[in-house]
Amino acid sequence: MKLSEFELRRLKLPLVSPFRTSFGSQTERDVLVVKVTTPDAEGWAECSALEDPVYSPEYVQGAAEMMTRYLIPALRDAGDVRAETVGPTLAFIKGNRMAKAALETAILDAELKARGQSLGSYLGATKERVPAGVSVGIMNSIPELLDAVEKYLEQGYLRIKLKIEPGWDIEPVCALCGRSSVRISCSRSTPTPRTSWPTRRIWRGWTRSTCC
């Protein structure tokens, strides 16, 4: 497939409410969107990199620079490119998986539109609807957390993932454990050792508490 044009767009998307994690509070998202044009269709994709390299090595400005200087020129030089060949074509560039994935997804989107195929059909989906979840940031109090979760449940979300930090870990998790309609996904946001926070603290809290 011939790639006629690449375009990168930076968007500032305001959040419905502030999203607080152990890294800080966020009120808007810096989003990098990729547009790929072919003779038959346009493809769009969003780069998953965050604004700053605090959660993963890649970040928005760095991903845009990587695409502009290295990845897009390599795809242009390759001539005939399909989504399945993007990976091998860009393999000589180490890492930068988010930037590569954004380009690959945009190209795939263009391919599927050109032949009138949905992404679900391409992936072999067997259902038209799937359960959706939401990530809930750190709140100022347990009542505020419970109120936010209740609103998400009313909107139809079936999974709740909590953001935690030292001092905001066992108590909020246990506050929701008694709600049978909530499935809580607890995971560490940083690669800390097993014996350090939050794994050890949460495990001790759960083993000595009956609420969970």
N, C-alpha and C. Protein backbone atom coordinates (compact mmCIF):
# COMPACT_ATOMS: atom_id res chain seq x y z
N MET A 1 0.84 -1.19 0.00
CA MET A 1 0.00 0.00 0.00
C MET A 1 0.88 1.24 0.00
N LYS A 2 0.58 2.17 -0.89
CA LYS A 2 1.36 3.39 -0.97
C LYS A 2 0.85 4.40 0.05
N LEU A 3 1.78 4.98 0.80
CA LEU A 3 1.44 5.98 1.81
C LEU A 3 1.70 7.36 1.22
N SER A 4 0.62 8.12 1.01
CA SER A 4 0.75 9.41 0.33
C SER A 4 1.19 10.51 1.27
N GLU A 5 0.68 10.48 2.51
CA GLU A 5 0.93 11.61 3.41
C GLU A 5 0.83 11.17 4.88
N PHE A 6 1.68 11.78 5.70
CA PHE A 6 1.62 11.61 7.15
C PHE A 6 1.35 12.97 7.78
N GLU A 7 0.57 12.98 8.84
CA GLU A 7 0.31 14.23 9.56
C GLU A 7 0.24 13.94 11.05
N LEU A 8 0.92 14.76 11.84
CA LEU A 8 0.88 14.65 13.30
C LEU A 8 0.13 15.86 13.86
N ARG A 9 -0.80 15.59 14.76
CA ARG A 9 -1.57 16.66 15.39
C ARG A 9 -1.46 16.57 16.90
N ARG A 10 -1.26 17.70 17.54
CA ARG A 10 -1.21 17.78 19.00
C ARG A 10 -2.50 18.41 19.49
N LEU A 11 -3.16 17.75 20.40
CA LEU A 11 -4.43 18.23 20.94
C LEU A 11 -4.34 18.41 22.45
N LYS A 12 -5.01 19.41 22.97
CA LYS A 12 -5.15 19.61 24.40
C LYS A 12 -6.59 19.29 24.77
N LEU A 13 -6.81 18.18 25.46
CA LEU A 13 -8.16 17.76 25.81
C LEU A 13 -8.40 17.98 27.30
N PRO A 14 -9.33 18.87 27.66
CA PRO A 14 -9.64 19.07 29.09
C PRO A 14 -10.35 17.85 29.66
N LEU A 15 -9.97 17.46 30.86
CA LEU A 15 -10.60 16.33 31.53
C LEU A 15 -11.92 16.76 32.17
N VAL A 16 -12.83 15.81 32.32
CA VAL A 16 -14.12 16.10 32.95
C VAL A 16 -13.90 16.55 34.39
N SER A 17 -12.92 15.94 35.05
CA SER A 17 -12.56 16.31 36.42
C SER A 17 -11.07 16.06 36.60
N PRO A 18 -10.42 16.73 37.56
CA PRO A 18 -8.99 16.51 37.79
C PRO A 18 -8.69 15.05 38.09
N PHE A 19 -7.61 14.54 37.51
CA PHE A 19 -7.21 13.15 37.71
C PHE A 19 -5.89 13.15 38.46
N ARG A 20 -5.94 12.69 39.72
CA ARG A 20 -4.76 12.73 40.57
C ARG A 20 -4.17 11.34 40.77
N THR A 21 -2.86 11.23 40.58
CA THR A 21 -2.13 9.99 40.84
C THR A 21 -0.95 10.32 41.75
N SER A 22 -0.12 9.32 42.01
CA SER A 22 1.05 9.56 42.85
C SER A 22 2.07 10.47 42.15
N PHE A 23 1.90 10.69 40.83
CA PHE A 23 2.80 11.57 40.09
C PHE A 23 2.35 13.02 40.13
N GLY A 24 1.09 13.28 40.51
CA GLY A 24 0.58 14.63 40.51
C GLY A 24 -0.85 14.69 40.02
N SER A 25 -1.37 15.90 39.86
CA SER A 25 -2.75 16.09 39.42
C SER A 25 -2.78 16.59 37.98
N GLN A 26 -3.72 16.06 37.20
CA GLN A 26 -3.82 16.39 35.78
C GLN A 26 -5.22 16.92 35.48
N THR A 27 -5.29 18.03 34.74
CA THR A 27 -6.58 18.62 34.38
C THR A 27 -6.84 18.56 32.87
N GLU A 28 -5.82 18.24 32.10
CA GLU A 28 -5.98 18.09 30.66
C GLU A 28 -4.97 17.08 30.13
N ARG A 29 -5.24 16.57 28.94
CA ARG A 29 -4.35 15.60 28.30
C ARG A 29 -3.70 16.21 27.07
N ASP A 30 -2.41 16.00 26.95
CA ASP A 30 -1.67 16.38 25.76
C ASP A 30 -1.65 15.14 24.86
N VAL A 31 -2.39 15.18 23.77
CA VAL A 31 -2.60 14.00 22.93
C VAL A 31 -1.91 14.18 21.58
N LEU A 32 -1.23 13.14 21.16
CA LEU A 32 -0.60 13.12 19.84
C LEU A 32 -1.41 12.18 18.94
N VAL A 33 -1.95 12.74 17.86
CA VAL A 33 -2.78 11.98 16.92
C VAL A 33 -2.04 11.87 15.58
N VAL A 34 -2.11 10.69 14.99
CA VAL A 34 -1.44 10.42 13.72
C VAL A 34 -2.48 10.22 12.63
N LYS A 35 -2.27 10.87 11.50
CA LYS A 35 -3.12 10.70 10.32
C LYS A 35 -2.27 10.18 9.17
N VAL A 36 -2.72 9.11 8.56
CA VAL A 36 -2.04 8.54 7.40
C VAL A 36 -3.00 8.58 6.22
N THR A 37 -2.53 9.07 5.08
CA THR A 37 -3.36 9.15 3.88
C THR A 37 -2.80 8.21 2.82
N THR A 38 -3.69 7.42 2.23
CA THR A 38 -3.35 6.54 1.12
C THR A 38 -4.24 6.91 -0.07
N PRO A 39 -3.99 6.36 -1.24
CA PRO A 39 -4.86 6.65 -2.38
C PRO A 39 -6.31 6.24 -2.16
N ASP A 40 -6.55 5.31 -1.21
CA ASP A 40 -7.90 4.77 -1.03
C ASP A 40 -8.61 5.20 0.24
N ALA A 41 -7.87 5.66 1.26
CA ALA A 41 -8.52 5.98 2.53
C ALA A 41 -7.58 6.77 3.43
N GLU A 42 -8.15 7.27 4.53
CA GLU A 42 -7.38 7.92 5.59
C GLU A 42 -7.42 7.06 6.84
N GLY A 43 -6.30 7.00 7.53
CA GLY A 43 -6.24 6.25 8.77
C GLY A 43 -5.83 7.14 9.92
N TRP A 44 -6.43 6.91 11.08
CA TRP A 44 -6.15 7.73 12.27
C TRP A 44 -5.77 6.83 13.43
N ALA A 45 -4.91 7.36 14.31
CA ALA A 45 -4.54 6.63 15.52
C ALA A 45 -4.04 7.63 16.56
N GLU A 46 -4.12 7.22 17.81
CA GLU A 46 -3.63 8.04 18.92
C GLU A 46 -2.40 7.39 19.54
N CYS A 47 -1.37 8.17 19.76
CA CYS A 47 -0.19 7.66 20.45
C CYS A 47 -0.49 7.59 21.95
N SER A 48 -0.16 6.49 22.57
CA SER A 48 -0.50 6.28 23.98
C SER A 48 0.47 6.92 24.95
N ALA A 49 1.52 7.57 24.46
CA ALA A 49 2.50 8.20 25.34
C ALA A 49 1.87 9.33 26.14
N LEU A 50 2.33 9.51 27.37
CA LEU A 50 1.87 10.61 28.21
C LEU A 50 2.69 11.86 27.94
N GLU A 51 2.28 12.96 28.54
CA GLU A 51 2.97 14.23 28.29
C GLU A 51 4.40 14.21 28.82
N ASP A 52 4.62 13.57 29.96
CA ASP A 52 5.95 13.51 30.58
C ASP A 52 6.37 12.06 30.79
N PRO A 53 7.67 11.76 30.78
CA PRO A 53 8.15 10.39 30.95
C PRO A 53 8.22 9.96 32.41
N VAL A 54 7.08 10.03 33.11
CA VAL A 54 7.05 9.68 34.53
C VAL A 54 6.47 8.29 34.77
N TYR A 55 5.70 7.78 33.81
CA TYR A 55 5.09 6.46 33.95
C TYR A 55 5.75 5.44 33.02
N SER A 56 6.16 5.91 31.86
CA SER A 56 6.88 5.08 30.89
C SER A 56 7.95 5.94 30.22
N PRO A 57 8.94 5.32 29.59
CA PRO A 57 10.04 6.10 29.01
C PRO A 57 9.61 7.06 27.92
N GLU A 58 8.62 6.69 27.13
CA GLU A 58 8.20 7.54 26.03
C GLU A 58 7.29 8.67 26.52
N TYR A 59 7.32 9.79 25.81
CA TYR A 59 6.45 10.92 26.12
C TYR A 59 6.07 11.60 24.81
N VAL A 60 5.04 12.44 24.86
CA VAL A 60 4.43 12.97 23.64
C VAL A 60 5.43 13.68 22.73
N GLN A 61 6.16 14.64 23.27
CA GLN A 61 7.09 15.39 22.43
C GLN A 61 8.18 14.49 21.86
N GLY A 62 8.66 13.56 22.68
CA GLY A 62 9.68 12.63 22.22
C GLY A 62 9.16 11.70 21.12
N ALA A 63 7.90 11.25 21.28
CA ALA A 63 7.30 10.37 20.27
C ALA A 63 7.14 11.12 18.95
N ALA A 64 6.70 12.38 19.02
CA ALA A 64 6.54 13.18 17.80
C ALA A 64 7.89 13.37 17.11
N GLU A 65 8.92 13.62 17.91
CA GLU A 65 10.27 13.80 17.35
C GLU A 65 10.76 12.51 16.71
N MET A 66 10.52 11.38 17.38
CA MET A 66 10.94 10.09 16.85
C MET A 66 10.24 9.77 15.54
N MET A 67 8.94 10.04 15.46
CA MET A 67 8.22 9.79 14.21
C MET A 67 8.74 10.67 13.09
N THR A 68 8.91 11.95 13.39
CA THR A 68 9.30 12.92 12.35
C THR A 68 10.70 12.65 11.81
N ARG A 69 11.64 12.38 12.72
CA ARG A 69 13.04 12.24 12.31
C ARG A 69 13.41 10.86 11.79
N TYR A 70 12.77 9.81 12.31
CA TYR A 70 13.22 8.46 12.00
C TYR A 70 12.14 7.55 11.41
N LEU A 71 11.01 7.43 12.10
CA LEU A 71 10.04 6.40 11.74
C LEU A 71 9.33 6.70 10.43
N ILE A 72 8.80 7.91 10.29
CA ILE A 72 8.08 8.25 9.06
C ILE A 72 9.00 8.22 7.84
N PRO A 73 10.22 8.80 7.91
CA PRO A 73 11.12 8.67 6.75
C PRO A 73 11.40 7.22 6.38
N ALA A 74 11.53 6.35 7.38
CA ALA A 74 11.80 4.94 7.09
C ALA A 74 10.62 4.29 6.37
N LEU A 75 9.41 4.65 6.76
CA LEU A 75 8.23 4.09 6.10
C LEU A 75 8.09 4.64 4.68
N ARG A 76 8.44 5.90 4.49
CA ARG A 76 8.41 6.46 3.13
C ARG A 76 9.40 5.74 2.23
N ASP A 77 10.58 5.48 2.75
CA ASP A 77 11.62 4.82 1.95
C ASP A 77 11.26 3.38 1.62
N ALA A 78 10.40 2.78 2.45
CA ALA A 78 10.05 1.37 2.26
C ALA A 78 9.15 1.15 1.06
N GLY A 79 8.49 2.22 0.60
CA GLY A 79 7.62 2.08 -0.56
C GLY A 79 6.29 1.45 -0.20
N ASP A 80 6.08 0.21 -0.61
CA ASP A 80 4.84 -0.51 -0.33
C ASP A 80 4.83 -0.95 1.14
N VAL A 81 3.91 -0.43 1.91
CA VAL A 81 3.86 -0.71 3.34
C VAL A 81 2.46 -1.18 3.73
N ARG A 82 2.39 -2.21 4.53
CA ARG A 82 1.14 -2.67 5.13
C ARG A 82 1.31 -2.69 6.63
N ALA A 83 0.22 -2.75 7.34
CA ALA A 83 0.28 -2.73 8.80
C ALA A 83 1.17 -3.85 9.33
N GLU A 84 1.10 -5.01 8.71
CA GLU A 84 1.87 -6.16 9.19
C GLU A 84 3.36 -6.04 8.89
N THR A 85 3.73 -5.11 8.03
CA THR A 85 5.16 -4.94 7.71
C THR A 85 5.78 -3.75 8.44
N VAL A 86 4.96 -2.99 9.16
CA VAL A 86 5.50 -1.82 9.87
C VAL A 86 6.54 -2.25 10.90
N GLY A 87 6.21 -3.28 11.69
CA GLY A 87 7.13 -3.75 12.72
C GLY A 87 8.49 -4.13 12.18
N PRO A 88 8.55 -5.04 11.20
CA PRO A 88 9.84 -5.41 10.62
C PRO A 88 10.57 -4.23 9.97
N THR A 89 9.81 -3.32 9.35
CA THR A 89 10.43 -2.17 8.68
C THR A 89 11.12 -1.25 9.67
N LEU A 90 10.52 -1.10 10.85
CA LEU A 90 11.06 -0.18 11.85
C LEU A 90 11.89 -0.88 12.93
N ALA A 91 12.19 -2.15 12.73
CA ALA A 91 12.92 -2.92 13.75
C ALA A 91 14.32 -2.40 14.00
N PHE A 92 14.90 -1.70 13.04
CA PHE A 92 16.26 -1.19 13.23
C PHE A 92 16.31 -0.06 14.25
N ILE A 93 15.16 0.54 14.57
CA ILE A 93 15.07 1.55 15.62
C ILE A 93 14.75 0.84 16.92
N LYS A 94 15.57 1.00 17.93
CA LYS A 94 15.37 0.32 19.20
C LYS A 94 14.27 1.00 20.02
N GLY A 95 13.46 0.17 20.70
CA GLY A 95 12.43 0.71 21.60
C GLY A 95 11.39 1.54 20.87
N ASN A 96 10.90 2.59 21.54
CA ASN A 96 9.90 3.52 20.97
C ASN A 96 8.66 2.77 20.48
N ARG A 97 8.17 1.86 21.30
CA ARG A 97 7.04 1.02 20.89
C ARG A 97 5.75 1.82 20.74
N MET A 98 5.55 2.83 21.58
CA MET A 98 4.32 3.61 21.48
C MET A 98 4.27 4.40 20.18
N ALA A 99 5.37 5.00 19.82
CA ALA A 99 5.44 5.75 18.57
C ALA A 99 5.23 4.83 17.37
N LYS A 100 5.87 3.67 17.40
CA LYS A 100 5.72 2.70 16.32
C LYS A 100 4.28 2.20 16.23
N ALA A 101 3.69 1.92 17.38
CA ALA A 101 2.33 1.39 17.41
C ALA A 101 1.33 2.39 16.85
N ALA A 102 1.54 3.67 17.13
CA ALA A 102 0.63 4.69 16.61
C ALA A 102 0.64 4.69 15.09
N LEU A 103 1.81 4.61 14.50
CA LEU A 103 1.90 4.59 13.04
C LEU A 103 1.30 3.31 12.47
N GLU A 104 1.60 2.20 13.11
CA GLU A 104 1.06 0.91 12.64
C GLU A 104 -0.46 0.91 12.70
N THR A 105 -1.02 1.44 13.78
CA THR A 105 -2.47 1.46 13.94
C THR A 105 -3.13 2.38 12.93
N ALA A 106 -2.52 3.52 12.66
CA ALA A 106 -3.07 4.44 11.66
C ALA A 106 -3.08 3.79 10.28
N ILE A 107 -2.01 3.08 9.95
CA ILE A 107 -1.94 2.40 8.66
C ILE A 107 -2.98 1.28 8.60
N LEU A 108 -3.14 0.55 9.71
CA LEU A 108 -4.16 -0.50 9.75
C LEU A 108 -5.55 0.09 9.58
N ASP A 109 -5.81 1.23 10.22
CA ASP A 109 -7.11 1.88 10.09
C ASP A 109 -7.39 2.22 8.63
N ALA A 110 -6.40 2.73 7.93
CA ALA A 110 -6.57 3.06 6.52
C ALA A 110 -6.84 1.80 5.69
N GLU A 111 -6.13 0.73 5.98
CA GLU A 111 -6.33 -0.53 5.27
C GLU A 111 -7.75 -1.04 5.44
N LEU A 112 -8.21 -1.05 6.68
CA LEU A 112 -9.54 -1.60 6.96
C LEU A 112 -10.64 -0.74 6.32
N LYS A 113 -10.47 0.58 6.36
CA LYS A 113 -11.45 1.46 5.73
C LYS A 113 -11.49 1.24 4.22
N ALA A 114 -10.34 1.01 3.64
CA ALA A 114 -10.26 0.82 2.19
C ALA A 114 -11.03 -0.42 1.74
N ARG A 115 -11.03 -1.45 2.58
CA ARG A 115 -11.76 -2.66 2.18
C ARG A 115 -13.08 -2.84 2.92
N GLY A 116 -13.50 -1.79 3.66
CA GLY A 116 -14.80 -1.82 4.31
C GLY A 116 -14.92 -2.83 5.43
N GLN A 117 -13.85 -3.05 6.16
CA GLN A 117 -13.85 -4.04 7.24
C GLN A 117 -13.71 -3.34 8.58
N SER A 118 -14.46 -3.80 9.58
CA SER A 118 -14.37 -3.22 10.91
C SER A 118 -13.17 -3.77 11.65
N LEU A 119 -12.71 -3.03 12.66
CA LEU A 119 -11.59 -3.50 13.47
C LEU A 119 -11.98 -4.77 14.23
N GLY A 120 -13.23 -4.80 14.71
CA GLY A 120 -13.69 -5.98 15.44
C GLY A 120 -13.63 -7.23 14.58
N SER A 121 -14.07 -7.10 13.34
CA SER A 121 -14.03 -8.25 12.42
C SER A 121 -12.59 -8.66 12.14
N TYR A 122 -11.71 -7.69 11.98
CA TYR A 122 -10.30 -7.98 11.71
C TYR A 122 -9.67 -8.75 12.87
N LEU A 123 -10.04 -8.39 14.10
CA LEU A 123 -9.48 -9.03 15.29
C LEU A 123 -10.18 -10.33 15.65
N GLY A 124 -11.27 -10.65 14.93
CA GLY A 124 -11.99 -11.89 15.20
C GLY A 124 -12.94 -11.79 16.37
N ALA A 125 -13.47 -10.60 16.62
CA ALA A 125 -14.39 -10.40 17.75
C ALA A 125 -15.66 -11.23 17.57
N THR A 126 -16.16 -11.75 18.69
CA THR A 126 -17.39 -12.55 18.67
C THR A 126 -18.55 -11.85 19.36
N LYS A 127 -18.28 -10.67 19.96
CA LYS A 127 -19.33 -9.92 20.64
C LYS A 127 -19.36 -8.48 20.11
N GLU A 128 -20.54 -7.89 20.17
CA GLU A 128 -20.67 -6.51 19.75
C GLU A 128 -20.40 -5.53 20.89
N ARG A 129 -20.52 -6.01 22.14
CA ARG A 129 -20.30 -5.17 23.30
C ARG A 129 -19.39 -5.90 24.29
N VAL A 130 -18.52 -5.15 24.96
CA VAL A 130 -17.62 -5.73 25.96
C VAL A 130 -17.67 -4.87 27.22
N PRO A 131 -17.41 -5.46 28.39
CA PRO A 131 -17.42 -4.69 29.64
C PRO A 131 -16.37 -3.58 29.61
N ALA A 132 -16.73 -2.41 30.10
CA ALA A 132 -15.80 -1.28 30.14
C ALA A 132 -15.47 -0.93 31.58
N GLY A 133 -14.27 -0.45 31.80
CA GLY A 133 -13.85 -0.05 33.14
C GLY A 133 -13.37 1.39 33.15
N VAL A 134 -13.09 1.89 34.33
CA VAL A 134 -12.64 3.27 34.48
C VAL A 134 -11.59 3.32 35.58
N SER A 135 -10.60 4.16 35.37
CA SER A 135 -9.56 4.36 36.38
C SER A 135 -9.92 5.57 37.23
N VAL A 136 -9.96 5.38 38.53
CA VAL A 136 -10.37 6.43 39.46
C VAL A 136 -9.13 6.98 40.17
N GLY A 137 -8.94 8.28 40.08
CA GLY A 137 -7.78 8.90 40.69
C GLY A 137 -7.89 9.01 42.20
N ILE A 138 -6.85 9.50 42.81
CA ILE A 138 -6.80 9.68 44.26
C ILE A 138 -7.73 10.82 44.67
N MET A 139 -8.54 10.57 45.66
CA MET A 139 -9.51 11.56 46.13
C MET A 139 -9.07 12.16 47.47
N ASN A 140 -9.79 13.19 47.90
CA ASN A 140 -9.47 13.84 49.17
C ASN A 140 -10.05 13.10 50.37
N SER A 141 -11.06 12.25 50.13
CA SER A 141 -11.69 11.54 51.24
C SER A 141 -12.37 10.29 50.73
N ILE A 142 -12.67 9.36 51.64
CA ILE A 142 -13.38 8.14 51.28
C ILE A 142 -14.79 8.45 50.76
N PRO A 143 -15.56 9.32 51.43
CA PRO A 143 -16.89 9.65 50.89
C PRO A 143 -16.84 10.20 49.47
N GLU A 144 -15.84 11.04 49.18
CA GLU A 144 -15.70 11.57 47.83
C GLU A 144 -15.43 10.45 46.83
N LEU A 145 -14.61 9.48 47.24
CA LEU A 145 -14.31 8.33 46.39
C LEU A 145 -15.56 7.51 46.12
N LEU A 146 -16.30 7.19 47.18
CA LEU A 146 -17.50 6.38 47.02
C LEU A 146 -18.54 7.07 46.13
N ASP A 147 -18.64 8.37 46.26
CA ASP A 147 -19.58 9.12 45.44
C ASP A 147 -19.17 9.06 43.97
N ALA A 148 -17.87 9.20 43.70
CA ALA A 148 -17.38 9.15 42.32
C ALA A 148 -17.60 7.77 41.71
N VAL A 149 -17.31 6.72 42.49
CA VAL A 149 -17.48 5.36 42.00
C VAL A 149 -18.95 5.08 41.72
N GLU A 150 -19.83 5.54 42.58
CA GLU A 150 -21.27 5.32 42.40
C GLU A 150 -21.74 5.94 41.08
N LYS A 151 -21.23 7.11 40.76
CA LYS A 151 -21.61 7.77 39.51
C LYS A 151 -21.11 6.99 38.29
N TYR A 152 -19.90 6.44 38.41
CA TYR A 152 -19.38 5.64 37.31
C TYR A 152 -20.20 4.38 37.11
N LEU A 153 -20.62 3.75 38.20
CA LEU A 153 -21.45 2.55 38.10
C LEU A 153 -22.78 2.87 37.45
N GLU A 154 -23.34 4.02 37.77
CA GLU A 154 -24.61 4.43 37.17
C GLU A 154 -24.45 4.66 35.66
N GLN A 155 -23.26 5.03 35.24
CA GLN A 155 -22.99 5.26 33.82
C GLN A 155 -22.76 3.96 33.06
N GLY A 156 -22.65 2.84 33.78
CA GLY A 156 -22.51 1.55 33.13
C GLY A 156 -21.13 0.92 33.20
N TYR A 157 -20.18 1.57 33.85
CA TYR A 157 -18.85 0.96 34.00
C TYR A 157 -18.94 -0.25 34.93
N LEU A 158 -18.26 -1.34 34.56
CA LEU A 158 -18.35 -2.59 35.31
C LEU A 158 -17.07 -2.93 36.07
N ARG A 159 -15.99 -2.23 35.78
CA ARG A 159 -14.73 -2.48 36.47
C ARG A 159 -14.18 -1.15 36.99
N ILE A 160 -13.67 -1.18 38.20
CA ILE A 160 -13.12 0.02 38.83
C ILE A 160 -11.65 -0.24 39.17
N LYS A 161 -10.78 0.63 38.69
CA LYS A 161 -9.37 0.54 39.03
C LYS A 161 -8.99 1.77 39.85
N LEU A 162 -8.40 1.53 41.00
CA LEU A 162 -8.04 2.63 41.90
C LEU A 162 -6.57 3.01 41.77
N LYS A 163 -6.31 4.30 41.76
CA LYS A 163 -4.95 4.81 41.87
C LYS A 163 -4.63 4.96 43.35
N ILE A 164 -3.44 4.51 43.75
CA ILE A 164 -3.07 4.55 45.17
C ILE A 164 -1.71 5.20 45.35
N GLU A 165 -1.43 5.58 46.58
CA GLU A 165 -0.14 6.12 46.97
C GLU A 165 0.01 5.88 48.47
N PRO A 166 1.20 6.07 49.05
CA PRO A 166 1.35 5.89 50.50
C PRO A 166 0.34 6.74 51.28
N GLY A 167 -0.42 6.07 52.14
CA GLY A 167 -1.44 6.75 52.92
C GLY A 167 -2.81 6.70 52.28
N TRP A 168 -2.86 6.31 51.03
CA TRP A 168 -4.14 6.15 50.32
C TRP A 168 -4.09 4.82 49.58
N ASP A 169 -4.19 3.73 50.35
CA ASP A 169 -4.07 2.42 49.74
C ASP A 169 -5.06 1.42 50.34
N ILE A 170 -4.83 0.96 51.57
CA ILE A 170 -5.70 -0.05 52.17
C ILE A 170 -7.11 0.47 52.39
N GLU A 171 -7.24 1.68 52.96
CA GLU A 171 -8.55 2.19 53.32
C GLU A 171 -9.48 2.35 52.12
N PRO A 172 -9.07 2.99 51.03
CA PRO A 172 -9.98 3.10 49.89
C PRO A 172 -10.32 1.76 49.24
N VAL A 173 -9.35 0.84 49.20
CA VAL A 173 -9.63 -0.47 48.63
C VAL A 173 -10.68 -1.20 49.46
N CYS A 174 -10.50 -1.20 50.78
CA CYS A 174 -11.45 -1.88 51.64
C CYS A 174 -12.82 -1.21 51.64
N ALA A 175 -12.85 0.10 51.39
CA ALA A 175 -14.13 0.81 51.36
C ALA A 175 -14.99 0.34 50.20
N LEU A 176 -14.35 -0.16 49.15
CA LEU A 176 -15.10 -0.63 47.98
C LEU A 176 -15.28 -2.14 47.94
N CYS A 177 -14.51 -2.86 48.73
CA CYS A 177 -14.56 -4.33 48.67
C CYS A 177 -15.93 -4.87 49.05
N GLY A 178 -16.66 -4.15 49.87
CA GLY A 178 -17.97 -4.64 50.30
C GLY A 178 -19.04 -4.47 49.25
N ARG A 179 -18.72 -3.79 48.17
CA ARG A 179 -19.70 -3.57 47.11
C ARG A 179 -19.59 -4.71 46.11
N SER A 180 -20.56 -5.59 46.11
CA SER A 180 -20.50 -6.79 45.27
C SER A 180 -20.53 -6.47 43.79
N SER A 181 -21.04 -5.27 43.43
CA SER A 181 -21.15 -4.92 42.02
C SER A 181 -19.86 -4.36 41.45
N VAL A 182 -18.86 -4.17 42.31
CA VAL A 182 -17.61 -3.55 41.88
C VAL A 182 -16.50 -4.61 41.78
N ARG A 183 -15.84 -4.66 40.64
CA ARG A 183 -14.64 -5.49 40.49
C ARG A 183 -13.45 -4.55 40.53
N ILE A 184 -12.59 -4.73 41.53
CA ILE A 184 -11.48 -3.81 41.73
C ILE A 184 -10.20 -4.42 41.19
N SER A 185 -9.51 -3.66 40.35
CA SER A 185 -8.21 -4.07 39.84
C SER A 185 -7.14 -3.26 40.53
N CYS A 186 -6.33 -3.90 41.37
CA CYS A 186 -5.27 -3.20 42.10
C CYS A 186 -3.92 -3.61 41.52
N SER A 187 -3.15 -2.65 41.09
CA SER A 187 -1.85 -2.95 40.56
C SER A 187 -0.88 -1.84 40.90
N ARG A 188 0.41 -2.16 40.89
CA ARG A 188 1.41 -1.15 41.17
C ARG A 188 1.69 -0.32 39.93
N SER A 189 1.86 0.98 40.13
CA SER A 189 2.12 1.86 38.99
C SER A 189 3.60 1.97 38.67
N THR A 190 4.46 1.57 39.60
CA THR A 190 5.89 1.66 39.38
C THR A 190 6.53 0.32 39.70
N PRO A 191 7.63 -0.03 39.03
CA PRO A 191 8.28 -1.31 39.26
C PRO A 191 9.06 -1.35 40.56
N THR A 192 8.36 -1.35 41.68
CA THR A 192 9.01 -1.41 42.98
C THR A 192 9.21 -2.85 43.41
N PRO A 193 10.19 -3.15 44.27
CA PRO A 193 10.42 -4.51 44.74
C PRO A 193 9.22 -5.05 45.51
N ARG A 194 9.08 -6.35 45.58
CA ARG A 194 7.96 -6.98 46.27
C ARG A 194 7.89 -6.60 47.75
N THR A 195 9.04 -6.38 48.35
CA THR A 195 9.07 -6.11 49.79
C THR A 195 8.82 -4.66 50.13
N SER A 196 8.70 -3.80 49.11
CA SER A 196 8.52 -2.38 49.37
C SER A 196 7.06 -2.00 49.19
N TRP A 197 6.74 -0.73 49.47
CA TRP A 197 5.39 -0.23 49.25
C TRP A 197 5.13 -0.23 47.74
N PRO A 198 3.87 -0.53 47.25
CA PRO A 198 2.70 -0.74 48.10
C PRO A 198 2.39 -2.20 48.37
N THR A 199 3.11 -3.15 47.72
CA THR A 199 2.75 -4.56 47.81
C THR A 199 2.71 -5.05 49.26
N ARG A 200 3.79 -4.80 50.03
CA ARG A 200 3.86 -5.33 51.38
C ARG A 200 2.79 -4.71 52.27
N ARG A 201 2.58 -3.39 52.17
CA ARG A 201 1.61 -2.72 53.03
C ARG A 201 0.19 -3.20 52.74
N ILE A 202 -0.16 -3.29 51.46
CA ILE A 202 -1.51 -3.72 51.11
C ILE A 202 -1.73 -5.17 51.51
N TRP A 203 -0.73 -6.02 51.28
CA TRP A 203 -0.89 -7.43 51.63
C TRP A 203 -1.11 -7.60 53.13
N ARG A 204 -0.34 -6.88 53.93
CA ARG A 204 -0.51 -6.96 55.38
C ARG A 204 -1.88 -6.43 55.78
N GLY A 205 -2.35 -5.36 55.10
CA GLY A 205 -3.65 -4.81 55.43
C GLY A 205 -4.76 -5.80 55.12
N TRP A 206 -4.65 -6.49 54.00
CA TRP A 206 -5.69 -7.44 53.63
C TRP A 206 -5.69 -8.66 54.55
N THR A 207 -4.51 -9.14 54.94
CA THR A 207 -4.47 -10.35 55.75
C THR A 207 -4.95 -10.11 57.17
N ARG A 208 -4.86 -8.88 57.66
CA ARG A 208 -5.31 -8.66 59.01
C ARG A 208 -6.70 -8.01 59.06
N SER A 209 -7.31 -7.80 57.89
CA SER A 209 -8.62 -7.14 57.85
C SER A 209 -9.66 -8.07 57.29
N THR A 210 -10.85 -8.01 57.81
CA THR A 210 -11.94 -8.86 57.33
C THR A 210 -12.76 -8.16 56.26
N CYS A 211 -12.52 -6.87 55.99
CA CYS A 211 -13.34 -6.14 55.04
C CYS A 211 -13.06 -6.57 53.63
N CYS A 212 -11.88 -7.15 53.38
CA CYS A 212 -11.53 -7.56 52.02
C CYS A 212 -11.55 -9.06 51.88
